[in-house]
PDB file of all heavy atoms in Angstrom:
ATOM      1  N   LEU A   1       0.250  28.278  83.025  1.00  0.00           N
ATOM      2  CA  LEU A   1       0.227  29.672  82.584  1.00  0.00           C
ATOM      3  C   LEU A   1       1.506  30.064  81.849  1.00  0.00           C
ATOM      4  O   LEU A   1       1.457  30.791  80.855  1.00  0.00           O
ATOM      5  CB  LEU A   1       0.026  30.586  83.800  1.00  0.00           C
ATOM      6  CG  LEU A   1       0.129  32.090  83.546  1.00  0.00           C
ATOM      7  CD1 LEU A   1      -0.880  32.544  82.502  1.00  0.00           C
ATOM      8  CD2 LEU A   1      -0.048  32.861  84.857  1.00  0.00           C
ATOM      9  N   ALA A   2       2.644  29.581  82.320  1.00  0.00           N
ATOM     10  CA  ALA A   2       3.918  29.982  81.728  1.00  0.00           C
ATOM     11  C   ALA A   2       4.052  29.521  80.280  1.00  0.00           C
ATOM     12  O   ALA A   2       4.526  30.271  79.419  1.00  0.00           O
ATOM     13  CB  ALA A   2       5.082  29.440  82.558  1.00  0.00           C
ATOM     14  N   ALA A   3       3.638  28.298  79.977  1.00  0.00           N
ATOM     15  CA  ALA A   3       3.746  27.775  78.614  1.00  0.00           C
ATOM     16  C   ALA A   3       2.876  28.582  77.658  1.00  0.00           C
ATOM     17  O   ALA A   3       3.298  28.922  76.540  1.00  0.00           O
ATOM     18  CB  ALA A   3       3.352  26.300  78.580  1.00  0.00           C
ATOM     19  N   LYS A   4       1.663  28.891  78.068  1.00  0.00           N
ATOM     20  CA  LYS A   4       0.760  29.681  77.225  1.00  0.00           C
ATOM     21  C   LYS A   4       1.315  31.085  77.013  1.00  0.00           C
ATOM     22  O   LYS A   4       1.263  31.632  75.911  1.00  0.00           O
ATOM     23  CB  LYS A   4      -0.626  29.755  77.876  1.00  0.00           C
ATOM     24  CG  LYS A   4      -1.340  28.417  77.958  1.00  0.00           C
ATOM     25  CD  LYS A   4      -2.665  28.552  78.703  1.00  0.00           C
ATOM     26  CE  LYS A   4      -3.359  27.201  78.851  1.00  0.00           C
ATOM     27  NZ  LYS A   4      -4.618  27.294  79.632  1.00  0.00           N
ATOM     28  N   THR A   5       1.853  31.638  78.078  1.00  0.00           N
ATOM     29  CA  THR A   5       2.411  32.985  77.997  1.00  0.00           C
ATOM     30  C   THR A   5       3.621  33.027  77.071  1.00  0.00           C
ATOM     31  O   THR A   5       3.764  33.960  76.263  1.00  0.00           O
ATOM     32  CB  THR A   5       2.819  33.476  79.398  1.00  0.00           C
ATOM     33  OG1 THR A   5       1.666  33.513  80.237  1.00  0.00           O
ATOM     34  CG2 THR A   5       3.434  34.857  79.336  1.00  0.00           C
ATOM     35  N   ALA A   6       4.495  32.029  77.189  1.00  0.00           N
ATOM     36  CA  ALA A   6       5.690  31.986  76.343  1.00  0.00           C
ATOM     37  C   ALA A   6       5.318  31.908  74.867  1.00  0.00           C
ATOM     38  O   ALA A   6       5.949  32.558  74.020  1.00  0.00           O
ATOM     39  CB  ALA A   6       6.559  30.786  76.730  1.00  0.00           C
ATOM     40  N   TYR A   7       4.297  31.126  74.563  1.00  0.00           N
ATOM     41  CA  TYR A   7       3.841  30.958  73.177  1.00  0.00           C
ATOM     42  C   TYR A   7       3.378  32.295  72.591  1.00  0.00           C
ATOM     43  O   TYR A   7       3.753  32.671  71.471  1.00  0.00           O
ATOM     44  CB  TYR A   7       2.698  29.945  73.150  1.00  0.00           C
ATOM     45  CG  TYR A   7       2.115  29.680  71.778  1.00  0.00           C
ATOM     46  CD1 TYR A   7       2.694  28.760  70.914  1.00  0.00           C
ATOM     47  CD2 TYR A   7       0.981  30.363  71.360  1.00  0.00           C
ATOM     48  CE1 TYR A   7       2.158  28.525  69.656  1.00  0.00           C
ATOM     49  CE2 TYR A   7       0.437  30.139  70.104  1.00  0.00           C
ATOM     50  CZ  TYR A   7       1.022  29.211  69.253  1.00  0.00           C
ATOM     51  OH  TYR A   7       0.485  28.993  67.999  1.00  0.00           O
ATOM     52  N   ILE A   8       2.565  33.022  73.349  1.00  0.00           N
ATOM     53  CA  ILE A   8       2.036  34.297  72.871  1.00  0.00           C
ATOM     54  C   ILE A   8       3.133  35.354  72.815  1.00  0.00           C
ATOM     55  O   ILE A   8       3.231  36.133  71.858  1.00  0.00           O
ATOM     56  CB  ILE A   8       0.884  34.780  73.780  1.00  0.00           C
ATOM     57  CG1 ILE A   8      -0.228  33.742  73.819  1.00  0.00           C
ATOM     58  CG2 ILE A   8       0.336  36.122  73.294  1.00  0.00           C
ATOM     59  CD1 ILE A   8      -1.236  33.950  74.939  1.00  0.00           C
ATOM     60  N   ALA A   9       3.976  35.388  73.847  1.00  0.00           N
ATOM     61  CA  ALA A   9       5.040  36.387  73.923  1.00  0.00           C
ATOM     62  C   ALA A   9       6.027  36.243  72.768  1.00  0.00           C
ATOM     63  O   ALA A   9       6.523  37.249  72.238  1.00  0.00           O
ATOM     64  CB  ALA A   9       5.782  36.274  75.250  1.00  0.00           C
ATOM     65  N   GLU A  10       6.313  35.021  72.372  1.00  0.00           N
ATOM     66  CA  GLU A  10       7.237  34.808  71.256  1.00  0.00           C
ATOM     67  C   GLU A  10       6.685  35.428  69.975  1.00  0.00           C
ATOM     68  O   GLU A  10       7.416  36.071  69.217  1.00  0.00           O
ATOM     69  CB  GLU A  10       7.476  33.317  71.046  1.00  0.00           C
ATOM     70  CG  GLU A  10       8.454  33.023  69.910  1.00  0.00           C
ATOM     71  CD  GLU A  10       8.789  31.549  69.790  1.00  0.00           C
ATOM     72  OE1 GLU A  10       8.075  30.719  70.397  1.00  0.00           O
ATOM     73  OE2 GLU A  10       9.771  31.217  69.090  1.00  0.00           O
ATOM     74  N   ARG A  11       5.397  35.258  69.741  1.00  0.00           N
ATOM     75  CA  ARG A  11       4.774  35.816  68.542  1.00  0.00           C
ATOM     76  C   ARG A  11       4.673  37.336  68.624  1.00  0.00           C
ATOM     77  O   ARG A  11       4.827  38.033  67.621  1.00  0.00           O
ATOM     78  CB  ARG A  11       3.414  35.171  68.321  1.00  0.00           C
ATOM     79  CG  ARG A  11       3.542  33.825  67.639  1.00  0.00           C
ATOM     80  CD  ARG A  11       2.565  32.774  68.110  1.00  0.00           C
ATOM     81  NE  ARG A  11       2.936  31.481  67.519  1.00  0.00           N
ATOM     82  CZ  ARG A  11       3.908  30.711  67.998  1.00  0.00           C
ATOM     83  NH1 ARG A  11       4.595  31.090  69.051  1.00  0.00           N
ATOM     84  NH2 ARG A  11       4.200  29.568  67.403  1.00  0.00           N
ATOM     85  N   ALA A  12       4.434  37.839  69.815  1.00  0.00           N
ATOM     86  CA  ALA A  12       4.403  39.292  69.995  1.00  0.00           C
ATOM     87  C   ALA A  12       5.778  39.902  69.737  1.00  0.00           C
ATOM     88  O   ALA A  12       5.889  40.977  69.128  1.00  0.00           O
ATOM     89  CB  ALA A  12       3.936  39.631  71.403  1.00  0.00           C
ATOM     90  N   ALA A  13       6.829  39.214  70.178  1.00  0.00           N
ATOM     91  CA  ALA A  13       8.198  39.698  69.952  1.00  0.00           C
ATOM     92  C   ALA A  13       8.535  39.685  68.469  1.00  0.00           C
ATOM     93  O   ALA A  13       9.149  40.629  67.946  1.00  0.00           O
ATOM     94  CB  ALA A  13       9.190  38.841  70.733  1.00  0.00           C
ATOM     95  N   ASP A  14       8.152  38.616  67.778  1.00  0.00           N
ATOM     96  CA  ASP A  14       8.409  38.522  66.336  1.00  0.00           C
ATOM     97  C   ASP A  14       7.688  39.635  65.579  1.00  0.00           C
ATOM     98  O   ASP A  14       8.249  40.245  64.657  1.00  0.00           O
ATOM     99  CB  ASP A  14       7.939  37.162  65.796  1.00  0.00           C
ATOM    100  CG  ASP A  14       8.832  36.020  66.252  1.00  0.00           C
ATOM    101  OD1 ASP A  14       9.958  36.287  66.713  1.00  0.00           O
ATOM    102  OD2 ASP A  14       8.401  34.854  66.155  1.00  0.00           O
ATOM    103  N   ASN A  15       6.452  39.899  65.976  1.00  0.00           N
ATOM    104  CA  ASN A  15       5.682  40.950  65.316  1.00  0.00           C
ATOM    105  C   ASN A  15       6.272  42.329  65.600  1.00  0.00           C
ATOM    106  O   ASN A  15       6.308  43.199  64.723  1.00  0.00           O
ATOM    107  CB  ASN A  15       4.226  40.900  65.780  1.00  0.00           C
ATOM    108  CG  ASN A  15       3.333  41.809  64.970  1.00  0.00           C
ATOM    109  OD1 ASN A  15       3.258  41.697  63.748  1.00  0.00           O
ATOM    110  ND2 ASN A  15       2.647  42.725  65.636  1.00  0.00           N
ATOM    111  N   ALA A  16       6.753  42.533  66.816  1.00  0.00           N
ATOM    112  CA  ALA A  16       7.388  43.804  67.180  1.00  0.00           C
ATOM    113  C   ALA A  16       8.671  44.006  66.384  1.00  0.00           C
ATOM    114  O   ALA A  16       8.974  45.117  65.936  1.00  0.00           O
ATOM    115  CB  ALA A  16       7.688  43.846  68.670  1.00  0.00           C
ATOM    116  N   HIS A  17       9.418  42.930  66.180  1.00  0.00           N
ATOM    117  CA  HIS A  17      10.652  43.010  65.387  1.00  0.00           C
ATOM    118  C   HIS A  17      10.328  43.405  63.952  1.00  0.00           C
ATOM    119  O   HIS A  17      10.996  44.264  63.364  1.00  0.00           O
ATOM    120  CB  HIS A  17      11.382  41.668  65.411  1.00  0.00           C
ATOM    121  CG  HIS A  17      12.660  41.664  64.624  1.00  0.00           C
ATOM    122  ND1 HIS A  17      13.814  42.272  65.072  1.00  0.00           N
ATOM    123  CD2 HIS A  17      12.958  41.149  63.393  1.00  0.00           C
ATOM    124  CE1 HIS A  17      14.769  42.126  64.171  1.00  0.00           C
ATOM    125  NE2 HIS A  17      14.269  41.465  63.145  1.00  0.00           N
ATOM    126  N   ALA A  18       9.302  42.790  63.384  1.00  0.00           N
ATOM    127  CA  ALA A  18       8.881  43.131  62.026  1.00  0.00           C
ATOM    128  C   ALA A  18       8.414  44.582  61.961  1.00  0.00           C
ATOM    129  O   ALA A  18       8.703  45.292  60.986  1.00  0.00           O
ATOM    130  CB  ALA A  18       7.754  42.196  61.577  1.00  0.00           C
ATOM    131  N   GLY A  19       7.726  45.033  63.007  1.00  0.00           N
ATOM    132  CA  GLY A  19       7.273  46.416  63.056  1.00  0.00           C
ATOM    133  C   GLY A  19       8.433  47.389  63.105  1.00  0.00           C
ATOM    134  O   GLY A  19       8.413  48.433  62.451  1.00  0.00           O
ATOM    135  N   THR A  20       9.468  47.037  63.862  1.00  0.00           N
ATOM    136  CA  THR A  20      10.657  47.887  63.941  1.00  0.00           C
ATOM    137  C   THR A  20      11.306  48.039  62.573  1.00  0.00           C
ATOM    138  O   THR A  20      11.670  49.150  62.170  1.00  0.00           O
ATOM    139  CB  THR A  20      11.685  47.291  64.927  1.00  0.00           C
ATOM    140  OG1 THR A  20      11.086  47.172  66.213  1.00  0.00           O
ATOM    141  CG2 THR A  20      12.925  48.163  65.019  1.00  0.00           C
ATOM    142  N   GLN A  21      11.446  46.929  61.867  1.00  0.00           N
ATOM    143  CA  GLN A  21      12.061  46.962  60.541  1.00  0.00           C
ATOM    144  C   GLN A  21      11.247  47.789  59.568  1.00  0.00           C
ATOM    145  O   GLN A  21      11.787  48.583  58.788  1.00  0.00           O
ATOM    146  CB  GLN A  21      12.217  45.527  60.003  1.00  0.00           C
ATOM    147  CG  GLN A  21      13.092  44.623  60.847  1.00  0.00           C
ATOM    148  CD  GLN A  21      14.492  45.168  61.032  1.00  0.00           C
ATOM    149  OE1 GLN A  21      15.150  45.550  60.067  1.00  0.00           O
ATOM    150  NE2 GLN A  21      14.950  45.214  62.265  1.00  0.00           N
ATOM    151  N   SER A  22       9.940  47.632  59.604  1.00  0.00           N
ATOM    152  CA  SER A  22       9.057  48.353  58.688  1.00  0.00           C
ATOM    153  C   SER A  22       9.078  49.851  58.956  1.00  0.00           C
ATOM    154  O   SER A  22       9.257  50.659  58.043  1.00  0.00           O
ATOM    155  CB  SER A  22       7.625  47.826  58.827  1.00  0.00           C
ATOM    156  OG  SER A  22       6.733  48.577  58.041  1.00  0.00           O
ATOM    157  N   VAL A  23       8.913  50.231  60.222  1.00  0.00           N
ATOM    158  CA  VAL A  23       8.870  51.645  60.576  1.00  0.00           C
ATOM    159  C   VAL A  23      10.231  52.299  60.370  1.00  0.00           C
ATOM    160  O   VAL A  23      10.314  53.441  59.912  1.00  0.00           O
ATOM    161  CB  VAL A  23       8.411  51.823  62.042  1.00  0.00           C
ATOM    162  CG1 VAL A  23       8.523  53.266  62.476  1.00  0.00           C
ATOM    163  CG2 VAL A  23       6.969  51.359  62.196  1.00  0.00           C
ATOM    164  N   SER A  24      11.314  51.588  60.677  1.00  0.00           N
ATOM    165  CA  SER A  24      12.656  52.129  60.486  1.00  0.00           C
ATOM    166  C   SER A  24      12.910  52.408  59.014  1.00  0.00           C
ATOM    167  O   SER A  24      13.556  53.390  58.654  1.00  0.00           O
ATOM    168  CB  SER A  24      13.716  51.168  61.025  1.00  0.00           C
ATOM    169  OG  SER A  24      13.599  51.035  62.422  1.00  0.00           O
ATOM    170  N   GLY A  25      12.393  51.548  58.147  1.00  0.00           N
ATOM    171  CA  GLY A  25      12.527  51.753  56.705  1.00  0.00           C
ATOM    172  C   GLY A  25      11.829  53.016  56.266  1.00  0.00           C
ATOM    173  O   GLY A  25      12.351  53.804  55.468  1.00  0.00           O
ATOM    174  N   GLN A  26      10.646  53.282  56.800  1.00  0.00           N
ATOM    175  CA  GLN A  26       9.910  54.497  56.479  1.00  0.00           C
ATOM    176  C   GLN A  26      10.644  55.717  57.001  1.00  0.00           C
ATOM    177  O   GLN A  26      10.725  56.751  56.337  1.00  0.00           O
ATOM    178  CB  GLN A  26       8.517  54.437  57.096  1.00  0.00           C
ATOM    179  CG  GLN A  26       7.629  53.346  56.524  1.00  0.00           C
ATOM    180  CD  GLN A  26       6.327  53.211  57.296  1.00  0.00           C
ATOM    181  OE1 GLN A  26       5.909  54.148  57.963  1.00  0.00           O
ATOM    182  NE2 GLN A  26       5.712  52.058  57.217  1.00  0.00           N
ATOM    183  N   TYR A  27      11.190  55.598  58.209  1.00  0.00           N
ATOM    184  CA  TYR A  27      11.918  56.718  58.808  1.00  0.00           C
ATOM    185  C   TYR A  27      13.140  57.076  57.975  1.00  0.00           C
ATOM    186  O   TYR A  27      13.385  58.244  57.670  1.00  0.00           O
ATOM    187  CB  TYR A  27      12.350  56.353  60.229  1.00  0.00           C
ATOM    188  CG  TYR A  27      13.320  57.329  60.850  1.00  0.00           C
ATOM    189  CD1 TYR A  27      12.868  58.547  61.353  1.00  0.00           C
ATOM    190  CD2 TYR A  27      14.679  57.037  60.930  1.00  0.00           C
ATOM    191  CE1 TYR A  27      13.754  59.450  61.930  1.00  0.00           C
ATOM    192  CE2 TYR A  27      15.558  57.941  61.499  1.00  0.00           C
ATOM    193  CZ  TYR A  27      15.092  59.128  61.997  1.00  0.00           C
ATOM    194  OH  TYR A  27      15.965  60.021  62.554  1.00  0.00           O
ATOM    195  N   ASN A  28      13.902  56.075  57.554  1.00  0.00           N
ATOM    196  CA  ASN A  28      15.108  56.326  56.772  1.00  0.00           C
ATOM    197  C   ASN A  28      14.770  56.928  55.422  1.00  0.00           C
ATOM    198  O   ASN A  28      15.453  57.816  54.925  1.00  0.00           O
ATOM    199  CB  ASN A  28      15.888  55.020  56.579  1.00  0.00           C
ATOM    200  CG  ASN A  28      16.497  54.531  57.881  1.00  0.00           C
ATOM    201  OD1 ASN A  28      16.734  55.308  58.784  1.00  0.00           O
ATOM    202  ND2 ASN A  28      16.734  53.230  57.988  1.00  0.00           N
ATOM    203  N   ALA A  29      13.681  56.441  54.807  1.00  0.00           N
ATOM    204  CA  ALA A  29      13.277  56.953  53.505  1.00  0.00           C
ATOM    205  C   ALA A  29      12.863  58.409  53.610  1.00  0.00           C
ATOM    206  O   ALA A  29      13.239  59.250  52.788  1.00  0.00           O
ATOM    207  CB  ALA A  29      12.128  56.117  52.946  1.00  0.00           C
ATOM    208  N   ALA A  30      12.093  58.746  54.630  1.00  0.00           N
ATOM    209  CA  ALA A  30      11.641  60.123  54.813  1.00  0.00           C
ATOM    210  C   ALA A  30      12.813  61.047  55.119  1.00  0.00           C
ATOM    211  O   ALA A  30      12.905  62.154  54.613  1.00  0.00           O
ATOM    212  CB  ALA A  30      10.607  60.193  55.925  1.00  0.00           C
ATOM    213  N   GLY A  31      13.726  60.572  55.959  1.00  0.00           N
ATOM    214  CA  GLY A  31      14.883  61.377  56.314  1.00  0.00           C
ATOM    215  C   GLY A  31      15.780  61.629  55.117  1.00  0.00           C
ATOM    216  O   GLY A  31      16.280  62.733  54.919  1.00  0.00           O
ATOM    217  N   THR A  32      15.976  60.619  54.276  1.00  0.00           N
ATOM    218  CA  THR A  32      16.801  60.766  53.081  1.00  0.00           C
ATOM    219  C   THR A  32      16.177  61.759  52.113  1.00  0.00           C
ATOM    220  O   THR A  32      16.845  62.622  51.560  1.00  0.00           O
ATOM    221  CB  THR A  32      16.988  59.412  52.393  1.00  0.00           C
ATOM    222  OG1 THR A  32      17.634  58.524  53.294  1.00  0.00           O
ATOM    223  CG2 THR A  32      17.831  59.553  51.136  1.00  0.00           C
ATOM    224  N   LEU A  33      14.863  61.634  51.908  1.00  0.00           N
ATOM    225  CA  LEU A  33      14.166  62.528  50.989  1.00  0.00           C
ATOM    226  C   LEU A  33      14.235  63.964  51.474  1.00  0.00           C
ATOM    227  O   LEU A  33      14.472  64.894  50.705  1.00  0.00           O
ATOM    228  CB  LEU A  33      12.708  62.096  50.852  1.00  0.00           C
ATOM    229  CG  LEU A  33      11.830  62.962  49.918  1.00  0.00           C
ATOM    230  CD1 LEU A  33      12.427  63.006  48.524  1.00  0.00           C
ATOM    231  CD2 LEU A  33      10.415  62.421  49.877  1.00  0.00           C
ATOM    232  N   SER A  34      14.052  64.168  52.757  1.00  0.00           N
ATOM    233  CA  SER A  34      14.102  65.512  53.327  1.00  0.00           C
ATOM    234  C   SER A  34      15.465  66.156  53.090  1.00  0.00           C
ATOM    235  O   SER A  34      15.559  67.299  52.660  1.00  0.00           O
ATOM    236  CB  SER A  34      13.809  65.439  54.823  1.00  0.00           C
ATOM    237  OG  SER A  34      13.951  66.707  55.422  1.00  0.00           O
ATOM    238  N   SER A  35      16.537  65.419  53.363  1.00  0.00           N
ATOM    239  CA  SER A  35      17.879  65.966  53.199  1.00  0.00           C
ATOM    240  C   SER A  35      18.211  66.208  51.736  1.00  0.00           C
ATOM    241  O   SER A  35      18.883  67.174  51.384  1.00  0.00           O
ATOM    242  CB  SER A  35      18.916  65.029  53.826  1.00  0.00           C
ATOM    243  OG  SER A  35      18.909  63.771  53.176  1.00  0.00           O
ATOM    244  N   GLN A  36      17.717  65.327  50.849  1.00  0.00           N
ATOM    245  CA  GLN A  36      17.975  65.489  49.427  1.00  0.00           C
ATOM    246  C   GLN A  36      17.300  66.744  48.873  1.00  0.00           C
ATOM    247  O   GLN A  36      17.878  67.501  48.106  1.00  0.00           O
ATOM    248  CB  GLN A  36      17.497  64.251  48.663  1.00  0.00           C
ATOM    249  CG  GLN A  36      18.388  63.042  48.840  1.00  0.00           C
ATOM    250  CD  GLN A  36      17.832  61.828  48.127  1.00  0.00           C
ATOM    251  OE1 GLN A  36      16.662  61.788  47.756  1.00  0.00           O
ATOM    252  NE2 GLN A  36      18.669  60.827  47.937  1.00  0.00           N
ATOM    253  N   LEU A  37      16.039  66.942  49.290  1.00  0.00           N
ATOM    254  CA  LEU A  37      15.312  68.116  48.812  1.00  0.00           C
ATOM    255  C   LEU A  37      15.999  69.402  49.251  1.00  0.00           C
ATOM    256  O   LEU A  37      16.126  70.353  48.484  1.00  0.00           O
ATOM    257  CB  LEU A  37      13.871  68.090  49.331  1.00  0.00           C
ATOM    258  CG  LEU A  37      12.940  67.081  48.662  1.00  0.00           C
ATOM    259  CD1 LEU A  37      11.612  67.030  49.416  1.00  0.00           C
ATOM    260  CD2 LEU A  37      12.694  67.440  47.200  1.00  0.00           C
ATOM    261  N   ALA A  38      16.454  69.442  50.485  1.00  0.00           N
ATOM    262  CA  ALA A  38      17.114  70.635  50.995  1.00  0.00           C
ATOM    263  C   ALA A  38      18.453  70.864  50.315  1.00  0.00           C
ATOM    264  O   ALA A  38      18.799  71.983  49.949  1.00  0.00           O
ATOM    265  CB  ALA A  38      17.300  70.514  52.504  1.00  0.00           C
ATOM    266  N   SER A  39      19.213  69.799  50.100  1.00  0.00           N
ATOM    267  CA  SER A  39      20.558  69.937  49.542  1.00  0.00           C
ATOM    268  C   SER A  39      20.559  70.275  48.063  1.00  0.00           C
ATOM    269  O   SER A  39      21.522  70.803  47.536  1.00  0.00           O
ATOM    270  CB  SER A  39      21.360  68.648  49.774  1.00  0.00           C
ATOM    271  OG  SER A  39      20.804  67.583  49.034  1.00  0.00           O
ATOM    272  N   ARG A  40      19.456  69.989  47.360  1.00  0.00           N
ATOM    273  CA  ARG A  40      19.404  70.227  45.909  1.00  0.00           C
ATOM    274  C   ARG A  40      18.914  71.623  45.550  1.00  0.00           C
ATOM    275  O   ARG A  40      18.684  71.933  44.391  1.00  0.00           O
ATOM    276  CB  ARG A  40      18.502  69.175  45.250  1.00  0.00           C
ATOM    277  CG  ARG A  40      19.162  67.796  45.237  1.00  0.00           C
ATOM    278  CD  ARG A  40      18.271  66.750  44.618  1.00  0.00           C
ATOM    279  NE  ARG A  40      18.915  65.440  44.686  1.00  0.00           N
ATOM    280  CZ  ARG A  40      18.356  64.318  44.262  1.00  0.00           C
ATOM    281  NH1 ARG A  40      17.134  64.340  43.753  1.00  0.00           N
ATOM    282  NH2 ARG A  40      19.000  63.180  44.356  1.00  0.00           N
ATOM    283  N   TYR A  41      18.735  72.475  46.526  1.00  0.00           N
ATOM    284  CA  TYR A  41      18.282  73.829  46.236  1.00  0.00           C
ATOM    285  C   TYR A  41      19.237  74.528  45.280  1.00  0.00           C
ATOM    286  O   TYR A  41      18.807  75.234  44.366  1.00  0.00           O
ATOM    287  CB  TYR A  41      18.159  74.613  47.544  1.00  0.00           C
ATOM    288  CG  TYR A  41      17.979  76.090  47.319  1.00  0.00           C
ATOM    289  CD1 TYR A  41      16.837  76.565  46.659  1.00  0.00           C
ATOM    290  CD2 TYR A  41      18.936  76.996  47.740  1.00  0.00           C
ATOM    291  CE1 TYR A  41      16.670  77.919  46.451  1.00  0.00           C
ATOM    292  CE2 TYR A  41      18.762  78.350  47.530  1.00  0.00           C
ATOM    293  CZ  TYR A  41      17.625  78.798  46.886  1.00  0.00           C
ATOM    294  OH  TYR A  41      17.469  80.139  46.670  1.00  0.00           O
ATOM    295  N   ASP A  42      20.541  74.358  45.449  1.00  0.00           N
ATOM    296  CA  ASP A  42      21.519  75.013  44.594  1.00  0.00           C
ATOM    297  C   ASP A  42      21.367  74.585  43.139  1.00  0.00           C
ATOM    298  O   ASP A  42      21.719  75.340  42.231  1.00  0.00           O
ATOM    299  CB  ASP A  42      22.959  74.703  45.068  1.00  0.00           C
ATOM    300  CG  ASP A  42      23.300  75.505  46.304  1.00  0.00           C
ATOM    301  OD1 ASP A  42      22.619  76.508  46.551  1.00  0.00           O
ATOM    302  OD2 ASP A  42      24.218  75.084  47.038  1.00  0.00           O
ATOM    303  N   PHE A  43      20.864  73.402  42.895  1.00  0.00           N
ATOM    304  CA  PHE A  43      20.698  72.932  41.520  1.00  0.00           C
ATOM    305  C   PHE A  43      19.566  73.686  40.838  1.00  0.00           C
ATOM    306  O   PHE A  43      19.653  74.077  39.677  1.00  0.00           O
ATOM    307  CB  PHE A  43      20.440  71.443  41.497  1.00  0.00           C
ATOM    308  CG  PHE A  43      20.125  70.887  40.120  1.00  0.00           C
ATOM    309  CD1 PHE A  43      21.149  70.605  39.238  1.00  0.00           C
ATOM    310  CD2 PHE A  43      18.816  70.688  39.725  1.00  0.00           C
ATOM    311  CE1 PHE A  43      20.870  70.120  37.982  1.00  0.00           C
ATOM    312  CE2 PHE A  43      18.531  70.193  38.464  1.00  0.00           C
ATOM    313  CZ  PHE A  43      19.559  69.920  37.585  1.00  0.00           C
ATOM    314  N   TRP A  44      18.453  73.868  41.575  1.00  0.00           N
ATOM    315  CA  TRP A  44      17.251  74.454  40.966  1.00  0.00           C
ATOM    316  C   TRP A  44      17.236  75.979  40.983  1.00  0.00           C
ATOM    317  O   TRP A  44      16.485  76.594  40.242  1.00  0.00           O
ATOM    318  CB  TRP A  44      16.007  73.933  41.691  1.00  0.00           C
ATOM    319  CG  TRP A  44      15.766  72.514  41.379  1.00  0.00           C
ATOM    320  CD1 TRP A  44      15.965  71.458  42.186  1.00  0.00           C
ATOM    321  CD2 TRP A  44      15.264  71.972  40.152  1.00  0.00           C
ATOM    322  NE1 TRP A  44      15.639  70.283  41.567  1.00  0.00           N
ATOM    323  CE2 TRP A  44      15.183  70.567  40.300  1.00  0.00           C
ATOM    324  CE3 TRP A  44      14.855  72.519  38.940  1.00  0.00           C
ATOM    325  CZ2 TRP A  44      14.732  69.717  39.296  1.00  0.00           C
ATOM    326  CZ3 TRP A  44      14.406  71.675  37.938  1.00  0.00           C
ATOM    327  CH2 TRP A  44      14.344  70.290  38.116  1.00  0.00           C
TER     328      TRP A  44
END
């Protein structure tokens, strides 16, 4: 059981890591856009 579990868990961890990177990228992009739109009010 342990060998089978380790095999699956490793792939689940890798996929979770990729998910973290992907979602964090979206979060940073949205946060940057939000702050930019608010800060540029003085320009418009």
